[in-house]
Amino acid sequence: MACPRLIFLWLGNNYFSGQIPSSMGYLKDLQSLHLQNNRLSGPLPQSLQNCSLLRTLDLSKNSVTGKLPRWIGKFHVSMQFLNLRSNRLQGEIPIELCYLTRLQILDVAQNNFSGRIPTCLKNLTAMTFSQRNNSIQWKKDVILTVVEKGNDFGAIRLLEVTCYKLLSL
């Protein structure tokens, strides 16, 4: 890539197709990557973990497949906005997502995730403004689609919900 010092890349709302290029990993200073509303497919390239300053990652409305990689937790120092809505991600939501302590917005709805929501998500205090009685109140949208034991819970919106206990899922 000819722009290794690039910090902001907005390529959303185009008709790009194919896999996310692994060469994105050369953009070591990249802080904001917007690839939403394209026709991108395939798994997240491992090389993205080299973009350690990434604060915003928006891959919503594509056809990204595979599991949400565990290396997502490597962005614990920087990641504030993660939008993976409307893709084809599957498997369990990795516990490493809980390492993103600066995360303010998380949207993973309309995917094919299964299993339990990691209870440690309640520790993402950058999204909360009040915690009482082991419950959580969200100041930003956190939307998860969960399928557990054959039951589709649909999109669970954790917005201004004061008595919802993550452990109850």
Protein backbone atom coordinates (compact mmCIF):
# COMPACT_ATOMS: atom_id res chain seq x y z
CA MET A 1 0.00 0.00 0.00
CA ALA A 2 1.25 3.44 -0.90
CA CYS A 3 -0.22 5.28 2.13
CA PRO A 4 1.20 3.69 5.28
CA ARG A 5 0.55 6.91 7.30
CA LEU A 6 -3.16 7.01 6.41
CA ILE A 7 -5.34 7.46 9.51
CA PHE A 8 -8.89 7.65 8.08
CA LEU A 9 -10.31 5.50 5.29
CA TRP A 10 -13.96 5.75 4.24
CA LEU A 11 -14.93 3.38 1.44
CA GLY A 12 -18.51 2.77 2.53
CA ASN A 13 -21.60 2.71 0.34
CA ASN A 14 -19.92 1.43 -2.80
CA TYR A 15 -20.28 -1.83 -4.66
CA PHE A 16 -16.93 -3.28 -3.65
CA SER A 17 -16.96 -7.06 -3.64
CA GLY A 18 -14.57 -9.82 -2.71
CA GLN A 19 -12.52 -10.19 0.44
CA ILE A 20 -11.13 -7.38 2.55
CA PRO A 21 -7.54 -7.07 1.28
CA SER A 22 -4.90 -8.36 3.67
CA SER A 23 -2.80 -5.36 2.63
CA MET A 24 -4.99 -3.27 4.98
CA GLY A 25 -2.66 -4.53 7.68
CA TYR A 26 0.09 -2.29 6.30
CA LEU A 27 -1.88 0.77 7.38
CA LYS A 28 -0.31 0.79 10.84
CA ASP A 29 -1.47 4.36 11.64
CA LEU A 30 -5.07 3.70 10.60
CA GLN A 31 -7.54 4.88 13.24
CA SER A 32 -10.85 4.76 11.39
CA LEU A 33 -11.89 2.18 8.80
CA HIS A 34 -15.34 2.42 7.19
CA LEU A 35 -16.24 -0.33 4.72
CA GLN A 36 -19.97 -0.48 5.46
CA ASN A 37 -22.65 -1.22 2.89
CA ASN A 38 -20.56 -2.97 0.28
CA ARG A 39 -20.52 -6.56 -0.93
CA LEU A 40 -17.44 -7.70 0.94
CA SER A 41 -17.23 -11.38 1.84
CA GLY A 42 -14.92 -13.87 3.45
CA PRO A 43 -13.36 -13.76 6.91
CA LEU A 44 -11.77 -10.76 8.57
CA PRO A 45 -8.13 -10.75 7.45
CA GLN A 46 -5.69 -11.49 10.25
CA SER A 47 -3.55 -8.61 9.04
CA LEU A 48 -6.13 -6.14 10.43
CA GLN A 49 -4.74 -6.83 13.88
CA ASN A 50 -1.63 -4.92 12.79
CA CYS A 51 -3.73 -1.73 12.77
CA SER A 52 -3.28 -1.39 16.50
CA LEU A 53 -4.45 2.25 16.63
CA LEU A 54 -7.87 1.42 15.17
CA ARG A 55 -10.62 3.28 17.07
CA THR A 56 -13.47 2.84 14.60
CA LEU A 57 -14.24 -0.28 12.58
CA ASP A 58 -17.46 -0.31 10.56
CA LEU A 59 -18.00 -3.40 8.43
CA SER A 60 -21.79 -3.37 8.67
CA LYS A 61 -24.04 -4.46 5.81
CA ASN A 62 -21.62 -6.79 4.04
CA SER A 63 -21.30 -10.57 3.83
CA VAL A 64 -18.29 -11.08 6.09
CA THR A 65 -18.17 -14.73 7.17
CA GLY A 66 -16.47 -16.91 9.74
CA LYS A 67 -16.06 -16.35 13.43
CA LEU A 68 -15.37 -13.06 15.14
CA PRO A 69 -11.63 -13.53 15.68
CA ARG A 70 -10.18 -13.63 19.17
CA TRP A 71 -7.52 -11.11 18.16
CA ILE A 72 -10.26 -8.45 18.25
CA GLY A 73 -9.28 -8.03 21.90
CA LYS A 74 -5.89 -6.65 20.82
CA PHE A 75 -7.61 -3.31 20.19
CA HIS A 76 -8.22 -2.88 23.93
CA VAL A 77 -6.25 0.37 24.05
CA SER A 78 -8.00 2.08 21.16
CA MET A 79 -11.32 0.61 19.92
CA GLN A 80 -14.33 2.83 20.63
CA PHE A 81 -16.76 1.93 17.83
CA LEU A 82 -17.31 -1.57 16.45
CA ASN A 83 -20.11 -2.14 13.97
CA LEU A 84 -20.39 -5.61 12.45
CA ARG A 85 -24.17 -5.54 11.94
CA SER A 86 -25.75 -7.44 9.03
CA ASN A 87 -22.99 -9.83 8.07
CA ARG A 88 -22.72 -13.62 8.16
CA LEU A 89 -20.53 -13.99 11.22
CA GLN A 90 -21.16 -17.14 13.23
CA GLY A 91 -20.12 -19.06 16.29
CA GLU A 92 -19.84 -17.70 19.78
CA ILE A 93 -19.09 -14.10 20.62
CA PRO A 94 -15.52 -14.36 21.89
CA ILE A 95 -14.77 -13.35 25.45
CA GLU A 96 -11.90 -11.25 24.07
CA LEU A 97 -14.54 -8.71 23.04
CA CYS A 98 -14.64 -7.83 26.74
CA TYR A 99 -11.06 -6.57 26.55
CA LEU A 100 -12.30 -3.55 24.57
CA THR A 101 -12.75 -1.44 27.69
CA ARG A 102 -12.92 1.84 25.74
CA LEU A 103 -15.73 0.56 23.52
CA GLN A 104 -18.64 3.01 23.40
CA ILE A 105 -20.71 1.53 20.58
CA LEU A 106 -21.05 -2.16 19.75
CA ASP A 107 -23.41 -3.54 17.13
CA VAL A 108 -23.22 -7.19 16.14
CA ALA A 109 -26.91 -7.73 15.33
CA GLN A 110 -28.19 -9.62 12.30
CA ASN A 111 -25.41 -12.18 12.21
CA ASN A 112 -25.50 -15.90 12.97
CA PHE A 113 -23.92 -15.88 16.42
CA SER A 114 -24.81 -18.70 18.78
CA GLY A 115 -24.18 -19.49 22.40
CA ARG A 116 -24.26 -17.25 25.43
CA ILE A 117 -23.54 -13.56 25.52
CA PRO A 118 -20.29 -13.19 27.49
CA THR A 119 -21.27 -11.89 30.90
CA CYS A 120 -18.10 -9.83 31.02
CA LEU A 121 -19.73 -7.39 28.58
CA LYS A 122 -21.19 -5.80 31.69
CA ASN A 123 -17.66 -4.61 32.45
CA LEU A 124 -17.52 -2.40 29.36
CA THR A 125 -18.07 0.70 31.43
CA ALA A 126 -17.44 3.14 28.58
CA MET A 127 -20.96 2.18 27.43
CA THR A 128 -22.55 2.57 30.83
CA PHE A 129 -23.41 5.43 33.07
CA SER A 130 -25.00 3.54 35.93
CA GLN A 131 -24.57 0.13 37.49
CA ARG A 132 -26.85 -0.98 40.31
CA ASN A 133 -27.55 -4.41 41.78
CA ASN A 134 -25.46 -6.24 39.17
CA SER A 135 -27.63 -4.76 36.46
CA ILE A 136 -26.48 -2.46 33.75
CA GLN A 137 -27.80 0.64 32.08
CA TRP A 138 -26.50 1.51 28.63
CA LYS A 139 -25.95 4.97 27.23
CA LYS A 140 -25.27 3.65 23.72
CA ASP A 141 -26.92 0.91 21.67
CA VAL A 142 -25.60 -2.58 22.15
CA ILE A 143 -27.44 -4.94 19.91
CA LEU A 144 -26.80 -8.66 19.83
CA THR A 145 -28.55 -11.43 17.99
CA VAL A 146 -28.38 -14.60 20.04
CA VAL A 147 -29.44 -18.16 19.35
CA GLU A 148 -29.22 -20.44 22.36
CA LYS A 149 -30.35 -24.06 22.55
CA GLY A 150 -32.42 -23.67 19.41
CA ASN A 151 -34.26 -20.60 20.69
CA ASP A 152 -33.84 -17.44 18.66
CA PHE A 153 -33.91 -14.48 21.02
CA GLY A 154 -33.70 -12.08 18.09
CA ALA A 155 -32.12 -8.69 18.47
CA ILE A 156 -31.67 -7.88 22.11
CA ARG A 157 -31.49 -4.14 22.59
CA LEU A 158 -29.74 -3.15 25.76
CA LEU A 159 -30.64 0.52 25.67
CA GLU A 160 -31.98 2.25 28.78
CA VAL A 161 -32.69 -1.09 30.35
CA THR A 162 -32.11 -0.65 34.06
CA CYS A 163 -32.93 -4.07 35.51
CA TYR A 164 -31.69 -6.39 32.80
CA LYS A 165 -29.07 -8.82 34.08
CA LEU A 166 -26.70 -10.20 31.48
CA LEU A 167 -26.36 -13.29 33.63
CA SER A 168 -30.02 -14.08 33.04
CA LEU A 169 -29.36 -14.99 29.44
